[in-house]
Amino acid sequence: MASGVKPRVKAPKTAAAGETVTIKTLISHKMESGQRKNKDGSAIPRSIINRFTCEFNGQSVIDIKMEPAISTNPYFEFEAVVPEAGDFKFTWYDDDGSVYEDMKSVAIA
């Protein structure tokens, strides 16, 4: 597991049934592309978040594959429809096999 990795999510706590809501995610990660070299000239190994997914009550909302050109601390903002009360599950997949998760519940107002 990479050190200092911290996922953050902003999602509304309530929404009307059928409402489209804005979700913002950020994960603190150095995102090393594998193309740089260290002081002794050897390549610094690639270490990136290579995939991000979001599900609502088990249904896929978004699935993003990331490549080495993605910036440090990747930020995503997207919209999702909230058909009913439930849980958003956010998952980030790291090259080293680590998986970082966060959950946000949404109630119907």
PDB file of N, CA and C in Angstrom:
ATOM      1  N   MET A   1       0.849  -1.178   0.000  1.00  0.00           N
ATOM      2  CA  MET A   1       0.000   0.000   0.000  1.00  0.00           C
ATOM      3  C   MET A   1       0.890   1.235   0.000  1.00  0.00           C
ATOM      4  N   ALA A   2       0.627   2.138  -0.917  1.00  0.00           N
ATOM      5  CA  ALA A   2       1.391   3.382  -0.992  1.00  0.00           C
ATOM      6  C   ALA A   2       1.109   4.229   0.244  1.00  0.00           C
ATOM      7  N   SER A   3       2.124   4.932   0.716  1.00  0.00           N
ATOM      8  CA  SER A   3       1.938   5.756   1.912  1.00  0.00           C
ATOM      9  C   SER A   3       1.314   7.095   1.550  1.00  0.00           C
ATOM     10  N   GLY A   4       0.534   7.640   2.455  1.00  0.00           N
ATOM     11  CA  GLY A   4      -0.062   8.954   2.275  1.00  0.00           C
ATOM     12  C   GLY A   4      -1.246   9.000   1.329  1.00  0.00           C
ATOM     13  N   VAL A   5      -1.776   7.861   0.940  1.00  0.00           N
ATOM     14  CA  VAL A   5      -2.918   7.835   0.023  1.00  0.00           C
ATOM     15  C   VAL A   5      -4.188   8.074   0.827  1.00  0.00           C
ATOM     16  N   LYS A   6      -4.957   9.097   0.405  1.00  0.00           N
ATOM     17  CA  LYS A   6      -6.164   9.444   1.145  1.00  0.00           C
ATOM     18  C   LYS A   6      -7.283   9.804   0.168  1.00  0.00           C
ATOM     19  N   PRO A   7      -8.329   8.969   0.079  1.00  0.00           N
ATOM     20  CA  PRO A   7      -9.465   9.329  -0.777  1.00  0.00           C
ATOM     21  C   PRO A   7     -10.407  10.294  -0.065  1.00  0.00           C
ATOM     22  N   ARG A   8     -10.978  11.208  -0.840  1.00  0.00           N
ATOM     23  CA  ARG A   8     -11.966  12.152  -0.314  1.00  0.00           C
ATOM     24  C   ARG A   8     -13.136  12.227  -1.286  1.00  0.00           C
ATOM     25  N   VAL A   9     -14.346  12.302  -0.741  1.00  0.00           N
ATOM     26  CA  VAL A   9     -15.554  12.335  -1.567  1.00  0.00           C
ATOM     27  C   VAL A   9     -16.514  13.368  -1.004  1.00  0.00           C
ATOM     28  N   LYS A  10     -17.117  14.151  -1.908  1.00  0.00           N
ATOM     29  CA  LYS A  10     -18.211  15.051  -1.533  1.00  0.00           C
ATOM     30  C   LYS A  10     -19.440  14.608  -2.314  1.00  0.00           C
ATOM     31  N   ALA A  11     -20.461  14.225  -1.575  1.00  0.00           N
ATOM     32  CA  ALA A  11     -21.733  13.815  -2.165  1.00  0.00           C
ATOM     33  C   ALA A  11     -22.836  14.302  -1.237  1.00  0.00           C
ATOM     34  N   PRO A  12     -24.007  14.636  -1.789  1.00  0.00           N
ATOM     35  CA  PRO A  12     -25.083  15.123  -0.919  1.00  0.00           C
ATOM     36  C   PRO A  12     -25.585  14.024   0.014  1.00  0.00           C
ATOM     37  N   LYS A  13     -26.037  14.429   1.190  1.00  0.00           N
ATOM     38  CA  LYS A  13     -26.591  13.467   2.156  1.00  0.00           C
ATOM     39  C   LYS A  13     -28.043  13.139   1.836  1.00  0.00           C
ATOM     40  N   THR A  14     -28.731  14.082   1.149  1.00  0.00           N
ATOM     41  CA  THR A  14     -30.129  13.864   0.767  1.00  0.00           C
ATOM     42  C   THR A  14     -30.339  14.300  -0.674  1.00  0.00           C
ATOM     43  N   ALA A  15     -31.360  13.721  -1.301  1.00  0.00           N
ATOM     44  CA  ALA A  15     -31.747  14.092  -2.663  1.00  0.00           C
ATOM     45  C   ALA A  15     -33.195  13.667  -2.859  1.00  0.00           C
ATOM     46  N   ALA A  16     -33.861  14.279  -3.826  1.00  0.00           N
ATOM     47  CA  ALA A  16     -35.203  13.844  -4.198  1.00  0.00           C
ATOM     48  C   ALA A  16     -35.073  12.612  -5.091  1.00  0.00           C
ATOM     49  N   ALA A  17     -36.047  11.725  -5.048  1.00  0.00           N
ATOM     50  CA  ALA A  17     -36.013  10.541  -5.909  1.00  0.00           C
ATOM     51  C   ALA A  17     -35.947  10.981  -7.369  1.00  0.00           C
ATOM     52  N   GLY A  18     -35.002  10.450  -8.116  1.00  0.00           N
ATOM     53  CA  GLY A  18     -34.824  10.805  -9.519  1.00  0.00           C
ATOM     54  C   GLY A  18     -33.959  12.029  -9.754  1.00  0.00           C
ATOM     55  N   GLU A  19     -33.500  12.666  -8.695  1.00  0.00           N
ATOM     56  CA  GLU A  19     -32.674  13.871  -8.829  1.00  0.00           C
ATOM     57  C   GLU A  19     -31.269  13.524  -9.327  1.00  0.00           C
ATOM     58  N   THR A  20     -30.725  14.414 -10.150  1.00  0.00           N
ATOM     59  CA  THR A  20     -29.337  14.294 -10.588  1.00  0.00           C
ATOM     60  C   THR A  20     -28.475  15.090  -9.620  1.00  0.00           C
ATOM     61  N   VAL A  21     -27.469  14.428  -9.050  1.00  0.00           N
ATOM     62  CA  VAL A  21     -26.596  15.074  -8.070  1.00  0.00           C
ATOM     63  C   VAL A  21     -25.167  15.128  -8.603  1.00  0.00           C
ATOM     64  N   THR A  22     -24.411  16.089  -8.098  1.00  0.00           N
ATOM     65  CA  THR A  22     -23.001  16.223  -8.462  1.00  0.00           C
ATOM     66  C   THR A  22     -22.149  15.577  -7.382  1.00  0.00           C
ATOM     67  N   ILE A  23     -21.198  14.775  -7.826  1.00  0.00           N
ATOM     68  CA  ILE A  23     -20.283  14.087  -6.919  1.00  0.00           C
ATOM     69  C   ILE A  23     -18.868  14.515  -7.264  1.00  0.00           C
ATOM     70  N   LYS A  24     -18.074  14.787  -6.235  1.00  0.00           N
ATOM     71  CA  LYS A  24     -16.678  15.190  -6.421  1.00  0.00           C
ATOM     72  C   LYS A  24     -15.784  14.228  -5.650  1.00  0.00           C
ATOM     73  N   THR A  25     -14.733  13.745  -6.318  1.00  0.00           N
ATOM     74  CA  THR A  25     -13.793  12.841  -5.655  1.00  0.00           C
ATOM     75  C   THR A  25     -12.364  13.313  -5.888  1.00  0.00           C
ATOM     76  N   LEU A  26     -11.527  13.050  -4.911  1.00  0.00           N
ATOM     77  CA  LEU A  26     -10.102  13.369  -4.999  1.00  0.00           C
ATOM     78  C   LEU A  26      -9.362  12.297  -4.215  1.00  0.00           C
ATOM     79  N   ILE A  27      -8.248  11.843  -4.748  1.00  0.00           N
ATOM     80  CA  ILE A  27      -7.415  10.916  -3.989  1.00  0.00           C
ATOM     81  C   ILE A  27      -5.992  11.445  -3.990  1.00  0.00           C
ATOM     82  N   SER A  28      -5.419  11.555  -2.816  1.00  0.00           N
ATOM     83  CA  SER A  28      -4.036  12.016  -2.678  1.00  0.00           C
ATOM     84  C   SER A  28      -3.121  10.850  -3.037  1.00  0.00           C
ATOM     85  N   HIS A  29      -2.379  10.991  -4.123  1.00  0.00           N
ATOM     86  CA  HIS A  29      -1.484   9.922  -4.586  1.00  0.00           C
ATOM     87  C   HIS A  29      -0.420  10.560  -5.458  1.00  0.00           C
ATOM     88  N   LYS A  30       0.829  10.132  -5.318  1.00  0.00           N
ATOM     89  CA  LYS A  30       1.936  10.749  -6.057  1.00  0.00           C
ATOM     90  C   LYS A  30       1.889  10.488  -7.562  1.00  0.00           C
ATOM     91  N   MET A  31       1.270   9.385  -7.996  1.00  0.00           N
ATOM     92  CA  MET A  31       1.095   9.070  -9.418  1.00  0.00           C
ATOM     93  C   MET A  31       2.421   9.127 -10.186  1.00  0.00           C
ATOM     94  N   GLU A  32       3.323   8.246  -9.869  1.00  0.00           N
ATOM     95  CA  GLU A  32       4.625   8.155 -10.552  1.00  0.00           C
ATOM     96  C   GLU A  32       4.437   7.406 -11.869  1.00  0.00           C
ATOM     97  N   SER A  33       4.785   8.048 -12.988  1.00  0.00           N
ATOM     98  CA  SER A  33       4.516   7.500 -14.323  1.00  0.00           C
ATOM     99  C   SER A  33       5.406   6.332 -14.722  1.00  0.00           C
ATOM    100  N   GLY A  34       6.550   6.177 -14.089  1.00  0.00           N
ATOM    101  CA  GLY A  34       7.494   5.132 -14.476  1.00  0.00           C
ATOM    102  C   GLY A  34       8.463   5.572 -15.556  1.00  0.00           C
ATOM    103  N   GLN A  35       8.376   6.829 -15.981  1.00  0.00           N
ATOM    104  CA  GLN A  35       9.232   7.338 -17.050  1.00  0.00           C
ATOM    105  C   GLN A  35      10.388   8.187 -16.530  1.00  0.00           C
ATOM    106  N   ARG A  36      10.358   8.541 -15.260  1.00  0.00           N
ATOM    107  CA  ARG A  36      11.446   9.346 -14.690  1.00  0.00           C
ATOM    108  C   ARG A  36      12.549   8.443 -14.153  1.00  0.00           C
ATOM    109  N   LYS A  37      13.728   9.043 -13.958  1.00  0.00           N
ATOM    110  CA  LYS A  37      14.863   8.315 -13.389  1.00  0.00           C
ATOM    111  C   LYS A  37      15.282   8.973 -12.086  1.00  0.00           C
ATOM    112  N   ASN A  38      15.833   8.161 -11.181  1.00  0.00           N
ATOM    113  CA  ASN A  38      16.316   8.716  -9.921  1.00  0.00           C
ATOM    114  C   ASN A  38      17.761   9.191 -10.089  1.00  0.00           C
ATOM    115  N   LYS A  39      18.392   9.614  -9.002  1.00  0.00           N
ATOM    116  CA  LYS A  39      19.737  10.207  -9.073  1.00  0.00           C
ATOM    117  C   LYS A  39      20.787   9.264  -9.634  1.00  0.00           C
ATOM    118  N   ASP A  40      20.637   7.963  -9.413  1.00  0.00           N
ATOM    119  CA  ASP A  40      21.638   7.024  -9.945  1.00  0.00           C
ATOM    120  C   ASP A  40      21.324   6.562 -11.369  1.00  0.00           C
ATOM    121  N   GLY A  41      20.268   7.102 -11.970  1.00  0.00           N
ATOM    122  CA  GLY A  41      19.947   6.826 -13.366  1.00  0.00           C
ATOM    123  C   GLY A  41      19.001   5.668 -13.607  1.00  0.00           C
ATOM    124  N   SER A  42      18.591   4.982 -12.558  1.00  0.00           N
ATOM    125  CA  SER A  42      17.652   3.880 -12.769  1.00  0.00           C
ATOM    126  C   SER A  42      16.213   4.405 -12.755  1.00  0.00           C
ATOM    127  N   ALA A  43      15.358   3.695 -13.479  1.00  0.00           N
ATOM    128  CA  ALA A  43      13.963   4.127 -13.612  1.00  0.00           C
ATOM    129  C   ALA A  43      13.233   4.025 -12.275  1.00  0.00           C
ATOM    130  N   ILE A  44      12.415   5.037 -11.997  1.00  0.00           N
ATOM    131  CA  ILE A  44      11.539   5.003 -10.827  1.00  0.00           C
ATOM    132  C   ILE A  44      10.321   4.180 -11.244  1.00  0.00           C
ATOM    133  N   PRO A  45       9.987   3.120 -10.512  1.00  0.00           N
ATOM    134  CA  PRO A  45       8.879   2.254 -10.925  1.00  0.00           C
ATOM    135  C   PRO A  45       7.547   2.996 -11.004  1.00  0.00           C
ATOM    136  N   ARG A  46       6.733   2.590 -11.977  1.00  0.00           N
ATOM    137  CA  ARG A  46       5.401   3.160 -12.129  1.00  0.00           C
ATOM    138  C   ARG A  46       4.583   2.856 -10.877  1.00  0.00           C
ATOM    139  N   SER A  47       3.849   3.852 -10.417  1.00  0.00           N
ATOM    140  CA  SER A  47       2.960   3.699  -9.266  1.00  0.00           C
ATOM    141  C   SER A  47       1.820   4.689  -9.436  1.00  0.00           C
ATOM    142  N   ILE A  48       0.720   4.204 -10.030  1.00  0.00           N
ATOM    143  CA  ILE A  48      -0.424   5.084 -10.262  1.00  0.00           C
ATOM    144  C   ILE A  48      -1.711   4.415  -9.788  1.00  0.00           C
ATOM    145  N   ILE A  49      -2.723   5.233  -9.575  1.00  0.00           N
ATOM    146  CA  ILE A  49      -4.082   4.728  -9.438  1.00  0.00           C
ATOM    147  C   ILE A  49      -4.504   4.430 -10.873  1.00  0.00           C
ATOM    148  N   ASN A  50      -4.781   3.166 -11.180  1.00  0.00           N
ATOM    149  CA  ASN A  50      -5.042   2.804 -12.574  1.00  0.00           C
ATOM    150  C   ASN A  50      -6.518   2.660 -12.915  1.00  0.00           C
ATOM    151  N   ARG A  51      -7.386   2.697 -11.889  1.00  0.00           N
ATOM    152  CA  ARG A  51      -8.820   2.570 -12.159  1.00  0.00           C
ATOM    153  C   ARG A  51      -9.606   3.195 -11.018  1.00  0.00           C
ATOM    154  N   PHE A  52     -10.729   3.826 -11.377  1.00  0.00           N
ATOM    155  CA  PHE A  52     -11.651   4.387 -10.392  1.00  0.00           C
ATOM    156  C   PHE A  52     -13.056   3.953 -10.781  1.00  0.00           C
ATOM    157  N   THR A  53     -13.821   3.461  -9.806  1.00  0.00           N
ATOM    158  CA  THR A  53     -15.206   3.085 -10.071  1.00  0.00           C
ATOM    159  C   THR A  53     -16.123   3.698  -9.024  1.00  0.00           C
ATOM    160  N   CYS A  54     -17.362   3.900  -9.429  1.00  0.00           N
ATOM    161  CA  CYS A  54     -18.411   4.344  -8.512  1.00  0.00           C
ATOM    162  C   CYS A  54     -19.644   3.505  -8.813  1.00  0.00           C
ATOM    163  N   GLU A  55     -20.256   3.001  -7.754  1.00  0.00           N
ATOM    164  CA  GLU A  55     -21.498   2.239  -7.870  1.00  0.00           C
ATOM    165  C   GLU A  55     -22.540   2.859  -6.950  1.00  0.00           C
ATOM    166  N   PHE A  56     -23.800   2.736  -7.357  1.00  0.00           N
ATOM    167  CA  PHE A  56     -24.904   3.135  -6.484  1.00  0.00           C
ATOM    168  C   PHE A  56     -25.786   1.917  -6.284  1.00  0.00           C
ATOM    169  N   ASN A  57     -25.900   1.453  -5.051  1.00  0.00           N
ATOM    170  CA  ASN A  57     -26.664   0.244  -4.721  1.00  0.00           C
ATOM    171  C   ASN A  57     -26.293  -0.927  -5.632  1.00  0.00           C
ATOM    172  N   GLY A  58     -24.993  -1.074  -5.903  1.00  0.00           N
ATOM    173  CA  GLY A  58     -24.503  -2.189  -6.704  1.00  0.00           C
ATOM    174  C   GLY A  58     -24.533  -1.982  -8.205  1.00  0.00           C
ATOM    175  N   GLN A  59     -25.110  -0.881  -8.676  1.00  0.00           N
ATOM    176  CA  GLN A  59     -25.179  -0.583 -10.112  1.00  0.00           C
ATOM    177  C   GLN A  59     -24.054   0.370 -10.479  1.00  0.00           C
ATOM    178  N   SER A  60     -23.354   0.077 -11.560  1.00  0.00           N
ATOM    179  CA  SER A  60     -22.234   0.916 -11.991  1.00  0.00           C
ATOM    180  C   SER A  60     -22.708   2.310 -12.396  1.00  0.00           C
ATOM    181  N   VAL A  61     -22.030   3.319 -11.884  1.00  0.00           N
ATOM    182  CA  VAL A  61     -22.293   4.714 -12.252  1.00  0.00           C
ATOM    183  C   VAL A  61     -21.201   5.200 -13.196  1.00  0.00           C
ATOM    184  N   ILE A  62     -19.945   4.884 -12.859  1.00  0.00           N
ATOM    185  CA  ILE A  62     -18.809   5.325 -13.665  1.00  0.00           C
ATOM    186  C   ILE A  62     -17.654   4.346 -13.447  1.00  0.00           C
ATOM    187  N   ASP A  63     -16.876   4.123 -14.508  1.00  0.00           N
ATOM    188  CA  ASP A  63     -15.713   3.227 -14.441  1.00  0.00           C
ATOM    189  C   ASP A  63     -14.637   3.859 -15.319  1.00  0.00           C
ATOM    190  N   ILE A  64     -13.564   4.331 -14.697  1.00  0.00           N
ATOM    191  CA  ILE A  64     -12.522   5.076 -15.406  1.00  0.00           C
ATOM    192  C   ILE A  64     -11.207   4.315 -15.351  1.00  0.00           C
ATOM    193  N   LYS A  65     -10.599   4.111 -16.505  1.00  0.00           N
ATOM    194  CA  LYS A  65      -9.256   3.525 -16.580  1.00  0.00           C
ATOM    195  C   LYS A  65      -8.274   4.681 -16.719  1.00  0.00           C
ATOM    196  N   MET A  66      -7.257   4.699 -15.870  1.00  0.00           N
ATOM    197  CA  MET A  66      -6.272   5.782 -15.901  1.00  0.00           C
ATOM    198  C   MET A  66      -4.942   5.284 -16.444  1.00  0.00           C
ATOM    199  N   GLU A  67      -4.244   6.166 -17.116  1.00  0.00           N
ATOM    200  CA  GLU A  67      -2.938   5.887 -17.705  1.00  0.00           C
ATOM    201  C   GLU A  67      -1.891   6.769 -17.018  1.00  0.00           C
ATOM    202  N   PRO A  68      -0.593   6.539 -17.280  1.00  0.00           N
ATOM    203  CA  PRO A  68       0.459   7.299 -16.595  1.00  0.00           C
ATOM    204  C   PRO A  68       0.396   8.818 -16.766  1.00  0.00           C
ATOM    205  N   ALA A  69      -0.268   9.321 -17.791  1.00  0.00           N
ATOM    206  CA  ALA A  69      -0.324  10.770 -18.001  1.00  0.00           C
ATOM    207  C   ALA A  69      -1.291  11.478 -17.045  1.00  0.00           C
ATOM    208  N   ILE A  70      -2.052  10.731 -16.253  1.00  0.00           N
ATOM    209  CA  ILE A  70      -2.986  11.354 -15.308  1.00  0.00           C
ATOM    210  C   ILE A  70      -2.195  12.140 -14.258  1.00  0.00           C
ATOM    211  N   SER A  71      -2.768  13.222 -13.800  1.00  0.00           N
ATOM    212  CA  SER A  71      -2.054  14.094 -12.864  1.00  0.00           C
ATOM    213  C   SER A  71      -1.948  13.492 -11.465  1.00  0.00           C
ATOM    214  N   THR A  72      -1.044  14.053 -10.686  1.00  0.00           N
ATOM    215  CA  THR A  72      -0.947  13.730  -9.268  1.00  0.00           C
ATOM    216  C   THR A  72      -2.270  14.105  -8.607  1.00  0.00           C
ATOM    217  N   ASN A  73      -2.698  13.344  -7.617  1.00  0.00           N
ATOM    218  CA  ASN A  73      -3.933  13.608  -6.872  1.00  0.00           C
ATOM    219  C   ASN A  73      -5.145  13.735  -7.802  1.00  0.00           C
ATOM    220  N   PRO A  74      -5.500  12.663  -8.524  1.00  0.00           N
ATOM    221  CA  PRO A  74      -6.591  12.758  -9.499  1.00  0.00           C
ATOM    222  C   PRO A  74      -7.929  13.175  -8.877  1.00  0.00           C
ATOM    223  N   TYR A  75      -8.578  14.123  -9.559  1.00  0.00           N
ATOM    224  CA  TYR A  75      -9.858  14.691  -9.133  1.00  0.00           C
ATOM    225  C   TYR A  75     -10.883  14.386 -10.214  1.00  0.00           C
ATOM    226  N   PHE A  76     -12.041  13.903  -9.815  1.00  0.00           N
ATOM    227  CA  PHE A  76     -13.135  13.672 -10.756  1.00  0.00           C
ATOM    228  C   PHE A  76     -14.398  14.309 -10.214  1.00  0.00           C
ATOM    229  N   GLU A  77     -15.149  14.938 -11.115  1.00  0.00           N
ATOM    230  CA  GLU A  77     -16.461  15.485 -10.796  1.00  0.00           C
ATOM    231  C   GLU A  77     -17.418  14.939 -11.837  1.00  0.00           C
ATOM    232  N   PHE A  78     -18.522  14.362 -11.386  1.00  0.00           N
ATOM    233  CA  PHE A  78     -19.482  13.776 -12.316  1.00  0.00           C
ATOM    234  C   PHE A  78     -20.876  13.838 -11.700  1.00  0.00           C
ATOM    235  N   GLU A  79     -21.878  13.571 -12.542  1.00  0.00           N
ATOM    236  CA  GLU A  79     -23.261  13.592 -12.086  1.00  0.00           C
ATOM    237  C   GLU A  79     -23.816  12.176 -12.067  1.00  0.00           C
ATOM    238  N   ALA A  80     -24.726  11.939 -11.145  1.00  0.00           N
ATOM    239  CA  ALA A  80     -25.384  10.639 -11.031  1.00  0.00           C
ATOM    240  C   ALA A  80     -26.839  10.858 -10.632  1.00  0.00           C
ATOM    241  N   VAL A  81     -27.705  10.009 -11.136  1.00  0.00           N
ATOM    242  CA  VAL A  81     -29.115  10.058 -10.769  1.00  0.00           C
ATOM    243  C   VAL A  81     -29.311   9.197  -9.524  1.00  0.00           C
ATOM    244  N   VAL A  82     -30.074   9.741  -8.577  1.00  0.00           N
ATOM    245  CA  VAL A  82     -30.381   9.017  -7.338  1.00  0.00           C
ATOM    246  C   VAL A  82     -31.838   8.555  -7.428  1.00  0.00           C
ATOM    247  N   PRO A  83     -32.078   7.301  -7.841  1.00  0.00           N
ATOM    248  CA  PRO A  83     -33.455   6.837  -8.004  1.00  0.00           C
ATOM    249  C   PRO A  83     -34.151   6.497  -6.688  1.00  0.00           C
ATOM    250  N   GLU A  84     -33.356   6.216  -5.656  1.00  0.00           N
ATOM    251  CA  GLU A  84     -33.887   5.785  -4.365  1.00  0.00           C
ATOM    252  C   GLU A  84     -32.820   6.017  -3.305  1.00  0.00           C
ATOM    253  N   ALA A  85     -33.185   5.870  -2.058  1.00  0.00           N
ATOM    254  CA  ALA A  85     -32.190   5.955  -0.983  1.00  0.00           C
ATOM    255  C   ALA A  85     -31.184   4.826  -1.169  1.00  0.00           C
ATOM    256  N   GLY A  86     -29.936   5.108  -0.841  1.00  0.00           N
ATOM    257  CA  GLY A  86     -28.937   4.054  -0.995  1.00  0.00           C
ATOM    258  C   GLY A  86     -27.533   4.543  -0.731  1.00  0.00           C
ATOM    259  N   ASP A  87     -26.588   3.717  -1.176  1.00  0.00           N
ATOM    260  CA  ASP A  87     -25.179   3.973  -0.913  1.00  0.00           C
ATOM    261  C   ASP A  87     -24.372   4.073  -2.201  1.00  0.00           C
ATOM    262  N   PHE A  88     -23.549   5.109  -2.260  1.00  0.00           N
ATOM    263  CA  PHE A  88     -22.529   5.205  -3.300  1.00  0.00           C
ATOM    264  C   PHE A  88     -21.278   4.528  -2.764  1.00  0.00           C
ATOM    265  N   LYS A  89     -20.685   3.679  -3.573  1.00  0.00           N
ATOM    266  CA  LYS A  89     -19.416   3.038  -3.214  1.00  0.00           C
ATOM    267  C   LYS A  89     -18.370   3.505  -4.218  1.00  0.00           C
ATOM    268  N   PHE A  90     -17.288   4.072  -3.704  1.00  0.00           N
ATOM    269  CA  PHE A  90     -16.203   4.602  -4.523  1.00  0.00           C
ATOM    270  C   PHE A  90     -14.976   3.724  -4.315  1.00  0.00           C
ATOM    271  N   THR A  91     -14.344   3.295  -5.404  1.00  0.00           N
ATOM    272  CA  THR A  91     -13.197   2.397  -5.301  1.00  0.00           C
ATOM    273  C   THR A  91     -12.083   2.866  -6.224  1.00  0.00           C
ATOM    274  N   TRP A  92     -10.878   2.970  -5.667  1.00  0.00           N
ATOM    275  CA  TRP A  92      -9.678   3.320  -6.422  1.00  0.00           C
ATOM    276  C   TRP A  92      -8.739   2.119  -6.383  1.00  0.00           C
ATOM    277  N   TYR A  93      -8.154   1.758  -7.531  1.00  0.00           N
ATOM    278  CA  TYR A  93      -7.263   0.599  -7.640  1.00  0.00           C
ATOM    279  C   TYR A  93      -5.848   1.086  -7.936  1.00  0.00           C
ATOM    280  N   ASP A  94      -4.888   0.650  -7.128  1.00  0.00           N
ATOM    281  CA  ASP A  94      -3.490   1.068  -7.230  1.00  0.00           C
ATOM    282  C   ASP A  94      -2.681  -0.001  -7.963  1.00  0.00           C
ATOM    283  N   ASP A  95      -1.633   0.425  -8.677  1.00  0.00           N
ATOM    284  CA  ASP A  95      -0.733  -0.515  -9.351  1.00  0.00           C
ATOM    285  C   ASP A  95      -0.155  -1.559  -8.402  1.00  0.00           C
ATOM    286  N   ASP A  96       0.059  -1.194  -7.142  1.00  0.00           N
ATOM    287  CA  ASP A  96       0.676  -2.133  -6.200  1.00  0.00           C
ATOM    288  C   ASP A  96      -0.318  -3.160  -5.646  1.00  0.00           C
ATOM    289  N   GLY A  97      -1.548  -3.139  -6.162  1.00  0.00           N
ATOM    290  CA  GLY A  97      -2.568  -4.085  -5.719  1.00  0.00           C
ATOM    291  C   GLY A  97      -3.466  -3.559  -4.618  1.00  0.00           C
ATOM    292  N   SER A  98      -3.128  -2.412  -4.069  1.00  0.00           N
ATOM    293  CA  SER A  98      -3.957  -1.820  -3.013  1.00  0.00           C
ATOM    294  C   SER A  98      -5.283  -1.347  -3.590  1.00  0.00           C
ATOM    295  N   VAL A  99      -6.317  -1.420  -2.779  1.00  0.00           N
ATOM    296  CA  VAL A  99      -7.641  -0.937  -3.151  1.00  0.00           C
ATOM    297  C   VAL A  99      -8.093   0.003  -2.039  1.00  0.00           C
ATOM    298  N   TYR A 100      -8.526   1.197  -2.429  1.00  0.00           N
ATOM    299  CA  TYR A 100      -8.989   2.204  -1.475  1.00  0.00           C
ATOM    300  C   TYR A 100     -10.477   2.413  -1.717  1.00  0.00           C
ATOM    301  N   GLU A 101     -11.268   2.417  -0.642  1.00  0.00           N
ATOM    302  CA  GLU A 101     -12.715   2.542  -0.781  1.00  0.00           C
ATOM    303  C   GLU A 101     -13.270   3.616   0.142  1.00  0.00           C
ATOM    304  N   ASP A 102     -14.398   4.169  -0.295  1.00  0.00           N
ATOM    305  CA  ASP A 102     -15.160   5.100   0.527  1.00  0.00           C
ATOM    306  C   ASP A 102     -16.625   4.867   0.195  1.00  0.00           C
ATOM    307  N   MET A 103     -17.493   5.142   1.140  1.00  0.00           N
ATOM    308  CA  MET A 103     -18.937   4.994   0.941  1.00  0.00           C
ATOM    309  C   MET A 103     -19.619   6.276   1.394  1.00  0.00           C
ATOM    310  N   LYS A 104     -20.677   6.639   0.682  1.00  0.00           N
ATOM    311  CA  LYS A 104     -21.516   7.767   1.074  1.00  0.00           C
ATOM    312  C   LYS A 104     -22.971   7.342   0.913  1.00  0.00           C
ATOM    313  N   SER A 105     -23.751   7.553   1.953  1.00  0.00           N
ATOM    314  CA  SER A 105     -25.177   7.226   1.917  1.00  0.00           C
ATOM    315  C   SER A 105     -25.975   8.453   1.518  1.00  0.00           C
ATOM    316  N   VAL A 106     -27.043   8.214   0.749  1.00  0.00           N
ATOM    317  CA  VAL A 106     -27.945   9.285   0.329  1.00  0.00           C
ATOM    318  C   VAL A 106     -29.357   8.884   0.743  1.00  0.00           C
ATOM    319  N   ALA A 107     -30.015   9.774   1.477  1.00  0.00           N
ATOM    320  CA  ALA A 107     -31.402   9.559   1.886  1.00  0.00           C
ATOM    321  C   ALA A 107     -32.313  10.330   0.938  1.00  0.00           C
ATOM    322  N   ILE A 108     -33.533   9.863   0.770  1.00  0.00           N
ATOM    323  CA  ILE A 108     -34.507  10.566  -0.063  1.00  0.00           C
ATOM    324  C   ILE A 108     -35.217  11.595   0.808  1.00  0.00           C
ATOM    325  N   ALA A 109     -35.198  12.838   0.322  1.00  0.00           N
ATOM    326  CA  ALA A 109     -35.803  13.941   1.078  1.00  0.00           C
ATOM    327  C   ALA A 109     -37.213  14.202   0.588  1.00  0.00           C
TER     328      ALA A 109
END
